[in-house]
Amino acid sequence: MSSVRRTDAAGTDAAPTATPAGGLAPPTGSWLTDRIARVVQGLLVTAFFAYIVAFLLLPSAAVLIGAFRDAQGPTLRYVRELFEPRYVAAFTNSIELSLVTALIGGVCGLVVAYLAISPRSPYWLRTAVTSFSGVAANFAGVPLAFAFVSTLGTMGLLTLWLKRLGFDLYGTGFSLFSFSGLIVTYLYFQIPLMVIIISPAVQGLRQEWREAARNLGASPWQYWRYVGLPILMPPTLAAMLLLFGNAFAAYATPYALTSGNIALVPIEIGNVLSGNVMSSPHLGQALALGMIVVMALAMVAYAFLQRRISRWQR
């Protein structure tokens, strides 16, 4: 009887207090904490959308409006100027440079990421590749151009060393200050960026899938053809799209290397916005609008490829 009484007493003491409406009264501290958390969350979300509006939507709207207006009112003059040979060549060079570096950087970065993250690879190799990729992917602009001039320039360390060995690098037609030189320079930060982006997808390849394919009699080629590549294709295309945009918008590195001798869209925008000879802000906005259109077409192409790839994964 005593044990029963103690149990009843304990149960009576532990019972929550009922409100007049029949519900349980919430603890005061917990309610206040939830209220503060909701207010802070609302402020952070509001600040994020304010940042998007201030630094993305409003500048995009200003570019869109400025490309079709001048001091006298609406006009198509600046949009028509985009079809002049000079600016057509700038868009062509920018797209070619971005495509080449995105494809080469994407393939090489995927291979490097797989070799570094493979279960057979030592841990120190994975750490070294990841650390170097994090640094190299953000090393661009004038410092990168100076580093390549010191290494592969006409009097660079590697150029002179190869010449002592009997190989004249510039005698083969290569030049760091040409289109091929820009490709080599861009790959320095494109490949590490691809390694960083694609590493989570490579880590998602389970060892059980390879073992199951091997047990079913599949060769390594069949495993990659029917399992590995279809799984890695969507993130690889998405990463290449990011590499394309990264190369398409680069300004400081090509300008420091070529001094504007190679026509690229970002360099042309800088020329018309801050040039001493010709200053045309509306033409610069029209060029920026052209860049937005190119990126939009790239995103549409990716969406189409994503639908095609989803059929392969079913």
C-alpha atoms as a PDB file:
ATOM      1  CA  MET A   1       0.000   0.000   0.000  1.00  0.00           C
ATOM      2  CA  SER A   2       2.817   2.366   0.809  1.00  0.00           C
ATOM      3  CA  SER A   3       4.427   1.769  -2.574  1.00  0.00           C
ATOM      4  CA  VAL A   4       1.138   2.401  -4.310  1.00  0.00           C
ATOM      5  CA  ARG A   5       0.672   5.627  -2.398  1.00  0.00           C
ATOM      6  CA  ARG A   6       4.174   6.818  -3.286  1.00  0.00           C
ATOM      7  CA  THR A   7       3.510   6.036  -6.967  1.00  0.00           C
ATOM      8  CA  ASP A   8       0.223   7.939  -6.887  1.00  0.00           C
ATOM      9  CA  ALA A   9       1.843  10.867  -5.177  1.00  0.00           C
ATOM     10  CA  ALA A  10       4.655  10.955  -7.688  1.00  0.00           C
ATOM     11  CA  GLY A  11       2.191  10.792 -10.536  1.00  0.00           C
ATOM     12  CA  THR A  12       0.163  13.598  -8.983  1.00  0.00           C
ATOM     13  CA  ASP A  13       3.226  15.810  -8.612  1.00  0.00           C
ATOM     14  CA  ALA A  14       4.410  15.150 -12.206  1.00  0.00           C
ATOM     15  CA  ALA A  15       1.063  15.843 -13.851  1.00  0.00           C
ATOM     16  CA  PRO A  16       1.071  19.065 -15.934  1.00  0.00           C
ATOM     17  CA  THR A  17      -1.269  21.872 -15.041  1.00  0.00           C
ATOM     18  CA  ALA A  18      -4.316  22.086 -17.256  1.00  0.00           C
ATOM     19  CA  THR A  19      -5.516  25.401 -18.588  1.00  0.00           C
ATOM     20  CA  PRO A  20      -9.168  26.410 -18.442  1.00  0.00           C
ATOM     21  CA  ALA A  21      -9.514  25.604 -22.122  1.00  0.00           C
ATOM     22  CA  GLY A  22      -8.397  22.038 -21.473  1.00  0.00           C
ATOM     23  CA  GLY A  23      -4.895  22.366 -23.016  1.00  0.00           C
ATOM     24  CA  LEU A  24      -1.471  22.323 -21.393  1.00  0.00           C
ATOM     25  CA  ALA A  25       0.086  25.590 -20.296  1.00  0.00           C
ATOM     26  CA  PRO A  26       3.328  26.154 -22.263  1.00  0.00           C
ATOM     27  CA  PRO A  27       6.448  26.940 -20.255  1.00  0.00           C
ATOM     28  CA  THR A  28       7.096  30.666 -20.214  1.00  0.00           C
ATOM     29  CA  GLY A  29      10.819  30.366 -21.006  1.00  0.00           C
ATOM     30  CA  SER A  30      10.289  28.059 -23.974  1.00  0.00           C
ATOM     31  CA  TRP A  31       7.622  30.353 -25.483  1.00  0.00           C
ATOM     32  CA  LEU A  32       9.873  33.392 -25.190  1.00  0.00           C
ATOM     33  CA  THR A  33      12.811  31.565 -26.752  1.00  0.00           C
ATOM     34  CA  ASP A  34      10.699  30.417 -29.710  1.00  0.00           C
ATOM     35  CA  ARG A  35       9.390  33.939 -30.210  1.00  0.00           C
ATOM     36  CA  ILE A  36      12.911  35.411 -30.251  1.00  0.00           C
ATOM     37  CA  ALA A  37      14.091  32.681 -32.651  1.00  0.00           C
ATOM     38  CA  ARG A  38      11.237  33.460 -35.047  1.00  0.00           C
ATOM     39  CA  VAL A  39      11.985  37.192 -34.935  1.00  0.00           C
ATOM     40  CA  VAL A  40      15.693  36.599 -35.615  1.00  0.00           C
ATOM     41  CA  GLN A  41      14.854  34.183 -38.428  1.00  0.00           C
ATOM     42  CA  GLY A  42      12.510  36.720 -39.992  1.00  0.00           C
ATOM     43  CA  LEU A  43      15.156  39.443 -39.791  1.00  0.00           C
ATOM     44  CA  LEU A  44      17.781  37.213 -41.420  1.00  0.00           C
ATOM     45  CA  VAL A  45      15.424  36.191 -44.240  1.00  0.00           C
ATOM     46  CA  THR A  46      14.441  39.816 -44.794  1.00  0.00           C
ATOM     47  CA  ALA A  47      18.085  40.880 -44.893  1.00  0.00           C
ATOM     48  CA  PHE A  48      18.841  38.136 -47.409  1.00  0.00           C
ATOM     49  CA  PHE A  49      16.045  39.191 -49.756  1.00  0.00           C
ATOM     50  CA  ALA A  50      17.021  42.839 -49.332  1.00  0.00           C
ATOM     51  CA  TYR A  51      20.563  41.908 -50.366  1.00  0.00           C
ATOM     52  CA  ILE A  52      19.240  40.044 -53.420  1.00  0.00           C
ATOM     53  CA  VAL A  53      17.091  43.012 -54.430  1.00  0.00           C
ATOM     54  CA  ALA A  54      19.846  45.592 -53.878  1.00  0.00           C
ATOM     55  CA  PHE A  55      22.724  43.763 -55.540  1.00  0.00           C
ATOM     56  CA  LEU A  56      21.031  41.518 -58.110  1.00  0.00           C
ATOM     57  CA  LEU A  57      17.545  42.583 -59.128  1.00  0.00           C
ATOM     58  CA  LEU A  58      18.027  46.354 -59.123  1.00  0.00           C
ATOM     59  CA  PRO A  59      21.341  46.257 -61.063  1.00  0.00           C
ATOM     60  CA  SER A  60      19.796  43.824 -63.556  1.00  0.00           C
ATOM     61  CA  ALA A  61      16.828  46.139 -63.995  1.00  0.00           C
ATOM     62  CA  ALA A  62      19.164  49.121 -64.452  1.00  0.00           C
ATOM     63  CA  VAL A  63      21.100  47.196 -67.112  1.00  0.00           C
ATOM     64  CA  LEU A  64      17.898  46.200 -68.893  1.00  0.00           C
ATOM     65  CA  ILE A  65      16.513  49.736 -68.886  1.00  0.00           C
ATOM     66  CA  GLY A  66      19.799  51.447 -69.712  1.00  0.00           C
ATOM     67  CA  ALA A  67      20.434  49.199 -72.714  1.00  0.00           C
ATOM     68  CA  PHE A  68      17.261  50.491 -74.379  1.00  0.00           C
ATOM     69  CA  ARG A  69      17.418  54.170 -73.373  1.00  0.00           C
ATOM     70  CA  ASP A  70      19.600  57.207 -73.834  1.00  0.00           C
ATOM     71  CA  ALA A  71      19.305  60.895 -72.951  1.00  0.00           C
ATOM     72  CA  GLN A  72      16.554  61.401 -75.543  1.00  0.00           C
ATOM     73  CA  GLY A  73      14.435  58.385 -74.567  1.00  0.00           C
ATOM     74  CA  PRO A  74      13.914  54.781 -75.719  1.00  0.00           C
ATOM     75  CA  THR A  75      16.250  53.589 -78.452  1.00  0.00           C
ATOM     76  CA  LEU A  76      17.640  50.428 -80.038  1.00  0.00           C
ATOM     77  CA  ARG A  77      20.892  52.080 -81.028  1.00  0.00           C
ATOM     78  CA  TYR A  78      23.084  50.381 -78.415  1.00  0.00           C
ATOM     79  CA  VAL A  79      21.557  46.953 -78.978  1.00  0.00           C
ATOM     80  CA  ARG A  80      22.220  47.274 -82.713  1.00  0.00           C
ATOM     81  CA  GLU A  81      25.844  48.149 -81.949  1.00  0.00           C
ATOM     82  CA  LEU A  82      26.265  44.715 -80.378  1.00  0.00           C
ATOM     83  CA  PHE A  83      26.156  43.242 -83.905  1.00  0.00           C
ATOM     84  CA  GLU A  84      29.151  45.257 -85.072  1.00  0.00           C
ATOM     85  CA  PRO A  85      32.186  43.072 -85.955  1.00  0.00           C
ATOM     86  CA  ARG A  86      34.166  44.288 -82.949  1.00  0.00           C
ATOM     87  CA  TYR A  87      31.586  43.215 -80.373  1.00  0.00           C
ATOM     88  CA  VAL A  88      30.613  40.055 -82.248  1.00  0.00           C
ATOM     89  CA  ALA A  89      34.277  39.037 -82.078  1.00  0.00           C
ATOM     90  CA  ALA A  90      34.318  39.829 -78.351  1.00  0.00           C
ATOM     91  CA  PHE A  91      31.315  37.573 -77.685  1.00  0.00           C
ATOM     92  CA  THR A  92      32.761  34.849 -79.912  1.00  0.00           C
ATOM     93  CA  ASN A  93      36.115  34.897 -78.138  1.00  0.00           C
ATOM     94  CA  SER A  94      34.520  34.939 -74.697  1.00  0.00           C
ATOM     95  CA  ILE A  95      32.220  32.018 -75.494  1.00  0.00           C
ATOM     96  CA  GLU A  96      35.008  29.966 -77.075  1.00  0.00           C
ATOM     97  CA  LEU A  97      37.373  30.626 -74.175  1.00  0.00           C
ATOM     98  CA  SER A  98      34.687  29.774 -71.629  1.00  0.00           C
ATOM     99  CA  LEU A  99      33.619  26.593 -73.426  1.00  0.00           C
ATOM    100  CA  VAL A 100      37.161  25.287 -73.892  1.00  0.00           C
ATOM    101  CA  THR A 101      38.220  25.956 -70.309  1.00  0.00           C
ATOM    102  CA  ALA A 102      34.923  24.607 -68.929  1.00  0.00           C
ATOM    103  CA  LEU A 103      35.232  21.348 -70.884  1.00  0.00           C
ATOM    104  CA  ILE A 104      38.935  20.779 -70.208  1.00  0.00           C
ATOM    105  CA  GLY A 105      38.673  21.951 -66.611  1.00  0.00           C
ATOM    106  CA  GLY A 106      35.549  19.856 -66.044  1.00  0.00           C
ATOM    107  CA  VAL A 107      37.043  16.624 -67.376  1.00  0.00           C
ATOM    108  CA  CYS A 108      40.418  17.095 -65.685  1.00  0.00           C
ATOM    109  CA  GLY A 109      38.813  18.184 -62.418  1.00  0.00           C
ATOM    110  CA  LEU A 110      36.510  15.156 -62.407  1.00  0.00           C
ATOM    111  CA  VAL A 111      39.444  12.793 -62.944  1.00  0.00           C
ATOM    112  CA  VAL A 112      41.557  14.489 -60.272  1.00  0.00           C
ATOM    113  CA  ALA A 113      38.669  14.453 -57.791  1.00  0.00           C
ATOM    114  CA  TYR A 114      38.015  10.750 -58.379  1.00  0.00           C
ATOM    115  CA  LEU A 115      41.696   9.809 -58.049  1.00  0.00           C
ATOM    116  CA  ALA A 116      42.048  11.851 -54.865  1.00  0.00           C
ATOM    117  CA  ILE A 117      38.803  10.737 -53.198  1.00  0.00           C
ATOM    118  CA  SER A 118      38.918   7.106 -54.294  1.00  0.00           C
ATOM    119  CA  PRO A 119      38.942   4.666 -51.341  1.00  0.00           C
ATOM    120  CA  ARG A 120      42.286   3.350 -52.556  1.00  0.00           C
ATOM    121  CA  SER A 121      43.913   6.794 -52.322  1.00  0.00           C
ATOM    122  CA  PRO A 122      45.834   7.670 -49.153  1.00  0.00           C
ATOM    123  CA  TYR A 123      44.303  10.179 -46.782  1.00  0.00           C
ATOM    124  CA  TRP A 124      47.183  12.634 -47.137  1.00  0.00           C
ATOM    125  CA  LEU A 125      46.586  12.857 -50.896  1.00  0.00           C
ATOM    126  CA  ARG A 126      42.925  13.736 -50.393  1.00  0.00           C
ATOM    127  CA  THR A 127      43.843  16.407 -47.854  1.00  0.00           C
ATOM    128  CA  ALA A 128      46.560  17.875 -50.068  1.00  0.00           C
ATOM    129  CA  VAL A 129      44.357  18.025 -53.188  1.00  0.00           C
ATOM    130  CA  THR A 130      41.442  19.549 -51.280  1.00  0.00           C
ATOM    131  CA  SER A 131      43.611  22.172 -49.588  1.00  0.00           C
ATOM    132  CA  PHE A 132      45.385  23.144 -52.803  1.00  0.00           C
ATOM    133  CA  SER A 133      42.087  23.337 -54.703  1.00  0.00           C
ATOM    134  CA  GLY A 134      40.617  25.670 -52.110  1.00  0.00           C
ATOM    135  CA  VAL A 135      43.558  28.048 -52.499  1.00  0.00           C
ATOM    136  CA  ALA A 136      44.037  27.798 -56.273  1.00  0.00           C
ATOM    137  CA  ALA A 137      40.330  28.228 -57.081  1.00  0.00           C
ATOM    138  CA  ASN A 138      40.411  31.684 -55.466  1.00  0.00           C
ATOM    139  CA  PHE A 139      43.808  32.711 -56.828  1.00  0.00           C
ATOM    140  CA  ALA A 140      43.020  34.822 -59.871  1.00  0.00           C
ATOM    141  CA  GLY A 141      43.265  38.347 -61.179  1.00  0.00           C
ATOM    142  CA  VAL A 142      46.486  40.341 -61.419  1.00  0.00           C
ATOM    143  CA  PRO A 143      48.465  38.117 -58.977  1.00  0.00           C
ATOM    144  CA  LEU A 144      47.742  35.065 -61.113  1.00  0.00           C
ATOM    145  CA  ALA A 145      48.738  36.901 -64.284  1.00  0.00           C
ATOM    146  CA  PHE A 146      52.005  38.019 -62.679  1.00  0.00           C
ATOM    147  CA  ALA A 147      52.716  34.467 -61.490  1.00  0.00           C
ATOM    148  CA  PHE A 148      52.271  33.078 -65.003  1.00  0.00           C
ATOM    149  CA  VAL A 149      54.365  35.837 -66.565  1.00  0.00           C
ATOM    150  CA  SER A 150      57.154  34.980 -64.121  1.00  0.00           C
ATOM    151  CA  THR A 151      56.813  31.285 -64.985  1.00  0.00           C
ATOM    152  CA  LEU A 152      55.772  31.031 -68.647  1.00  0.00           C
ATOM    153  CA  GLY A 153      56.553  34.508 -69.958  1.00  0.00           C
ATOM    154  CA  THR A 154      59.207  35.146 -72.573  1.00  0.00           C
ATOM    155  CA  MET A 155      61.779  35.400 -69.754  1.00  0.00           C
ATOM    156  CA  GLY A 156      59.964  33.138 -67.319  1.00  0.00           C
ATOM    157  CA  LEU A 157      61.699  30.567 -65.161  1.00  0.00           C
ATOM    158  CA  LEU A 158      60.130  27.542 -66.865  1.00  0.00           C
ATOM    159  CA  THR A 159      60.637  29.041 -70.327  1.00  0.00           C
ATOM    160  CA  LEU A 160      64.352  29.633 -69.750  1.00  0.00           C
ATOM    161  CA  TRP A 161      64.792  26.204 -68.127  1.00  0.00           C
ATOM    162  CA  LEU A 162      63.184  24.472 -71.106  1.00  0.00           C
ATOM    163  CA  LYS A 163      65.362  26.510 -73.473  1.00  0.00           C
ATOM    164  CA  ARG A 164      68.477  25.268 -71.655  1.00  0.00           C
ATOM    165  CA  LEU A 165      67.245  21.729 -72.239  1.00  0.00           C
ATOM    166  CA  GLY A 166      66.948  22.446 -75.967  1.00  0.00           C
ATOM    167  CA  PHE A 167      63.207  23.068 -76.159  1.00  0.00           C
ATOM    168  CA  ASP A 168      62.109  26.522 -77.286  1.00  0.00           C
ATOM    169  CA  LEU A 169      58.557  26.888 -76.013  1.00  0.00           C
ATOM    170  CA  TYR A 170      57.858  30.097 -77.897  1.00  0.00           C
ATOM    171  CA  GLY A 171      59.437  28.618 -81.025  1.00  0.00           C
ATOM    172  CA  THR A 172      56.464  26.234 -81.243  1.00  0.00           C
ATOM    173  CA  GLY A 173      54.082  29.158 -81.704  1.00  0.00           C
ATOM    174  CA  PHE A 174      52.875  29.250 -78.092  1.00  0.00           C
ATOM    175  CA  SER A 175      52.557  32.591 -76.380  1.00  0.00           C
ATOM    176  CA  LEU A 176      51.295  33.296 -72.896  1.00  0.00           C
ATOM    177  CA  PHE A 177      49.786  36.526 -74.183  1.00  0.00           C
ATOM    178  CA  SER A 178      47.646  34.821 -76.830  1.00  0.00           C
ATOM    179  CA  PHE A 179      44.372  32.902 -76.789  1.00  0.00           C
ATOM    180  CA  SER A 180      46.160  29.624 -75.977  1.00  0.00           C
ATOM    181  CA  GLY A 181      47.991  31.353 -73.141  1.00  0.00           C
ATOM    182  CA  LEU A 182      44.688  32.481 -71.676  1.00  0.00           C
ATOM    183  CA  ILE A 183      43.425  28.883 -71.797  1.00  0.00           C
ATOM    184  CA  VAL A 184      46.457  27.655 -69.855  1.00  0.00           C
ATOM    185  CA  THR A 185      46.067  30.444 -67.296  1.00  0.00           C
ATOM    186  CA  TYR A 186      42.333  29.903 -66.848  1.00  0.00           C
ATOM    187  CA  LEU A 187      42.830  26.183 -66.261  1.00  0.00           C
ATOM    188  CA  TYR A 188      44.876  27.013 -63.170  1.00  0.00           C
ATOM    189  CA  PHE A 189      41.714  28.061 -61.313  1.00  0.00           C
ATOM    190  CA  GLN A 190      39.121  26.172 -63.357  1.00  0.00           C
ATOM    191  CA  ILE A 191      40.418  22.674 -62.534  1.00  0.00           C
ATOM    192  CA  PRO A 192      40.629  23.273 -58.744  1.00  0.00           C
ATOM    193  CA  LEU A 193      37.155  24.828 -58.789  1.00  0.00           C
ATOM    194  CA  MET A 194      35.831  21.716 -60.526  1.00  0.00           C
ATOM    195  CA  VAL A 195      37.511  19.522 -57.910  1.00  0.00           C
ATOM    196  CA  ILE A 196      35.774  21.413 -55.109  1.00  0.00           C
ATOM    197  CA  ILE A 197      32.352  21.314 -56.766  1.00  0.00           C
ATOM    198  CA  ILE A 198      32.346  17.712 -57.962  1.00  0.00           C
ATOM    199  CA  SER A 199      33.928  16.118 -54.869  1.00  0.00           C
ATOM    200  CA  PRO A 200      30.623  15.606 -52.995  1.00  0.00           C
ATOM    201  CA  ALA A 201      29.139  13.874 -56.048  1.00  0.00           C
ATOM    202  CA  VAL A 202      32.182  11.620 -56.378  1.00  0.00           C
ATOM    203  CA  GLN A 203      31.958  10.754 -52.693  1.00  0.00           C
ATOM    204  CA  GLY A 204      28.331   9.763 -53.282  1.00  0.00           C
ATOM    205  CA  LEU A 205      29.401   6.829 -55.463  1.00  0.00           C
ATOM    206  CA  ARG A 206      28.883   3.882 -53.129  1.00  0.00           C
ATOM    207  CA  GLN A 207      31.238   0.966 -53.074  1.00  0.00           C
ATOM    208  CA  GLU A 208      28.209  -1.344 -52.886  1.00  0.00           C
ATOM    209  CA  TRP A 209      27.174  -0.342 -56.412  1.00  0.00           C
ATOM    210  CA  ARG A 210      30.534  -1.374 -57.833  1.00  0.00           C
ATOM    211  CA  GLU A 211      30.458  -4.653 -55.919  1.00  0.00           C
ATOM    212  CA  ALA A 212      26.915  -5.398 -57.066  1.00  0.00           C
ATOM    213  CA  ALA A 213      27.866  -4.705 -60.691  1.00  0.00           C
ATOM    214  CA  ARG A 214      30.921  -6.950 -60.360  1.00  0.00           C
ATOM    215  CA  ASN A 215      28.818  -9.750 -58.851  1.00  0.00           C
ATOM    216  CA  LEU A 216      26.431  -9.502 -61.789  1.00  0.00           C
ATOM    217  CA  GLY A 217      29.323  -9.951 -64.206  1.00  0.00           C
ATOM    218  CA  ALA A 218      29.767  -6.322 -65.295  1.00  0.00           C
ATOM    219  CA  SER A 219      33.206  -5.179 -66.408  1.00  0.00           C
ATOM    220  CA  PRO A 220      34.688  -1.883 -65.141  1.00  0.00           C
ATOM    221  CA  TRP A 221      33.737  -0.258 -68.455  1.00  0.00           C
ATOM    222  CA  GLN A 222      30.125  -1.467 -68.126  1.00  0.00           C
ATOM    223  CA  TYR A 223      29.986  -0.189 -64.554  1.00  0.00           C
ATOM    224  CA  TRP A 224      31.033   3.310 -65.624  1.00  0.00           C
ATOM    225  CA  ARG A 225      28.856   3.207 -68.745  1.00  0.00           C
ATOM    226  CA  TYR A 226      25.623   2.170 -67.039  1.00  0.00           C
ATOM    227  CA  VAL A 227      26.092   3.194 -63.386  1.00  0.00           C
ATOM    228  CA  GLY A 228      28.923   5.607 -62.645  1.00  0.00           C
ATOM    229  CA  LEU A 229      28.709   8.078 -65.525  1.00  0.00           C
ATOM    230  CA  PRO A 230      24.884   8.409 -65.549  1.00  0.00           C
ATOM    231  CA  ILE A 231      25.021   9.223 -61.838  1.00  0.00           C
ATOM    232  CA  LEU A 232      27.855  11.745 -62.217  1.00  0.00           C
ATOM    233  CA  MET A 233      26.578  13.337 -65.423  1.00  0.00           C
ATOM    234  CA  PRO A 234      24.045  15.817 -63.912  1.00  0.00           C
ATOM    235  CA  PRO A 235      26.430  17.261 -61.285  1.00  0.00           C
ATOM    236  CA  THR A 236      29.234  17.307 -63.850  1.00  0.00           C
ATOM    237  CA  LEU A 237      27.155  19.348 -66.297  1.00  0.00           C
ATOM    238  CA  ALA A 238      26.086  21.685 -63.496  1.00  0.00           C
ATOM    239  CA  ALA A 239      29.715  22.156 -62.477  1.00  0.00           C
ATOM    240  CA  MET A 240      30.756  22.824 -66.077  1.00  0.00           C
ATOM    241  CA  LEU A 241      28.016  25.431 -66.310  1.00  0.00           C
ATOM    242  CA  LEU A 242      29.501  27.140 -63.262  1.00  0.00           C
ATOM    243  CA  LEU A 243      32.959  26.952 -64.833  1.00  0.00           C
ATOM    244  CA  PHE A 244      31.557  28.514 -68.012  1.00  0.00           C
ATOM    245  CA  GLY A 245      30.127  31.432 -66.060  1.00  0.00           C
ATOM    246  CA  ASN A 246      33.317  31.800 -64.037  1.00  0.00           C
ATOM    247  CA  ALA A 247      35.439  32.077 -67.186  1.00  0.00           C
ATOM    248  CA  PHE A 248      32.914  34.196 -69.094  1.00  0.00           C
ATOM    249  CA  ALA A 249      32.926  36.906 -66.403  1.00  0.00           C
ATOM    250  CA  ALA A 250      36.693  36.988 -65.732  1.00  0.00           C
ATOM    251  CA  TYR A 251      38.158  40.451 -66.248  1.00  0.00           C
ATOM    252  CA  ALA A 252      41.378  41.165 -64.337  1.00  0.00           C
ATOM    253  CA  THR A 253      43.344  38.096 -65.443  1.00  0.00           C
ATOM    254  CA  PRO A 254      42.874  38.472 -69.236  1.00  0.00           C
ATOM    255  CA  TYR A 255      43.297  42.237 -69.069  1.00  0.00           C
ATOM    256  CA  ALA A 256      46.569  41.957 -67.146  1.00  0.00           C
ATOM    257  CA  LEU A 257      47.908  39.297 -69.529  1.00  0.00           C
ATOM    258  CA  THR A 258      46.842  40.717 -72.873  1.00  0.00           C
ATOM    259  CA  SER A 259      46.395  44.433 -72.072  1.00  0.00           C
ATOM    260  CA  GLY A 260      43.105  44.276 -73.943  1.00  0.00           C
ATOM    261  CA  ASN A 261      44.652  43.006 -77.199  1.00  0.00           C
ATOM    262  CA  ILE A 262      42.236  40.056 -77.256  1.00  0.00           C
ATOM    263  CA  ALA A 263      38.627  41.186 -77.504  1.00  0.00           C
ATOM    264  CA  LEU A 264      36.562  39.803 -74.624  1.00  0.00           C
ATOM    265  CA  VAL A 265      33.194  41.043 -73.426  1.00  0.00           C
ATOM    266  CA  PRO A 266      34.265  42.027 -69.868  1.00  0.00           C
ATOM    267  CA  ILE A 267      37.235  43.962 -71.277  1.00  0.00           C
ATOM    268  CA  GLU A 268      34.995  45.735 -73.796  1.00  0.00           C
ATOM    269  CA  ILE A 269      32.601  46.687 -71.008  1.00  0.00           C
ATOM    270  CA  GLY A 270      35.496  48.150 -69.041  1.00  0.00           C
ATOM    271  CA  ASN A 271      36.667  50.068 -72.094  1.00  0.00           C
ATOM    272  CA  VAL A 272      33.322  51.743 -72.758  1.00  0.00           C
ATOM    273  CA  LEU A 273      32.620  52.471 -69.088  1.00  0.00           C
ATOM    274  CA  SER A 274      35.992  53.904 -68.069  1.00  0.00           C
ATOM    275  CA  GLY A 275      37.847  54.478 -71.311  1.00  0.00           C
ATOM    276  CA  ASN A 276      39.631  57.770 -71.845  1.00  0.00           C
ATOM    277  CA  VAL A 277      38.905  57.790 -75.579  1.00  0.00           C
ATOM    278  CA  MET A 278      35.318  56.544 -75.638  1.00  0.00           C
ATOM    279  CA  SER A 279      32.928  56.465 -72.706  1.00  0.00           C
ATOM    280  CA  SER A 280      29.445  55.084 -73.320  1.00  0.00           C
ATOM    281  CA  PRO A 281      27.684  53.761 -70.213  1.00  0.00           C
ATOM    282  CA  HIS A 282      24.600  52.722 -72.199  1.00  0.00           C
ATOM    283  CA  LEU A 283      26.705  50.659 -74.589  1.00  0.00           C
ATOM    284  CA  GLY A 284      28.312  49.005 -71.568  1.00  0.00           C
ATOM    285  CA  GLN A 285      24.848  48.172 -70.252  1.00  0.00           C
ATOM    286  CA  ALA A 286      23.924  46.699 -73.630  1.00  0.00           C
ATOM    287  CA  LEU A 287      27.058  44.533 -73.527  1.00  0.00           C
ATOM    288  CA  ALA A 288      26.162  43.427 -69.999  1.00  0.00           C
ATOM    289  CA  LEU A 289      22.674  42.576 -71.237  1.00  0.00           C
ATOM    290  CA  GLY A 290      24.280  40.423 -73.907  1.00  0.00           C
ATOM    291  CA  MET A 291      26.220  38.571 -71.207  1.00  0.00           C
ATOM    292  CA  ILE A 292      22.982  37.970 -69.292  1.00  0.00           C
ATOM    293  CA  VAL A 293      21.365  36.574 -72.437  1.00  0.00           C
ATOM    294  CA  VAL A 294      24.290  34.202 -73.018  1.00  0.00           C
ATOM    295  CA  MET A 295      24.107  32.928 -69.451  1.00  0.00           C
ATOM    296  CA  ALA A 296      20.330  32.519 -69.729  1.00  0.00           C
ATOM    297  CA  LEU A 297      20.748  30.430 -72.895  1.00  0.00           C
ATOM    298  CA  ALA A 298      23.333  28.306 -71.098  1.00  0.00           C
ATOM    299  CA  MET A 299      20.875  27.691 -68.270  1.00  0.00           C
ATOM    300  CA  VAL A 300      18.127  26.738 -70.734  1.00  0.00           C
ATOM    301  CA  ALA A 301      20.514  24.299 -72.412  1.00  0.00           C
ATOM    302  CA  TYR A 302      21.362  22.810 -69.023  1.00  0.00           C
ATOM    303  CA  ALA A 303      17.673  22.388 -68.188  1.00  0.00           C
ATOM    304  CA  PHE A 304      17.145  20.551 -71.488  1.00  0.00           C
ATOM    305  CA  LEU A 305      20.138  18.292 -70.850  1.00  0.00           C
ATOM    306  CA  GLN A 306      18.914  17.668 -67.306  1.00  0.00           C
ATOM    307  CA  ARG A 307      15.630  16.332 -68.666  1.00  0.00           C
ATOM    308  CA  ARG A 308      17.459  14.076 -71.098  1.00  0.00           C
ATOM    309  CA  ILE A 309      19.759  12.794 -68.385  1.00  0.00           C
ATOM    310  CA  SER A 310      16.862  12.068 -66.037  1.00  0.00           C
ATOM    311  CA  ARG A 311      15.587   9.564 -68.608  1.00  0.00           C
ATOM    312  CA  TRP A 312      18.895   7.695 -68.491  1.00  0.00           C
ATOM    313  CA  GLN A 313      18.651   7.410 -64.691  1.00  0.00           C
ATOM    314  CA  ARG A 314      15.209   5.773 -64.669  1.00  0.00           C
END
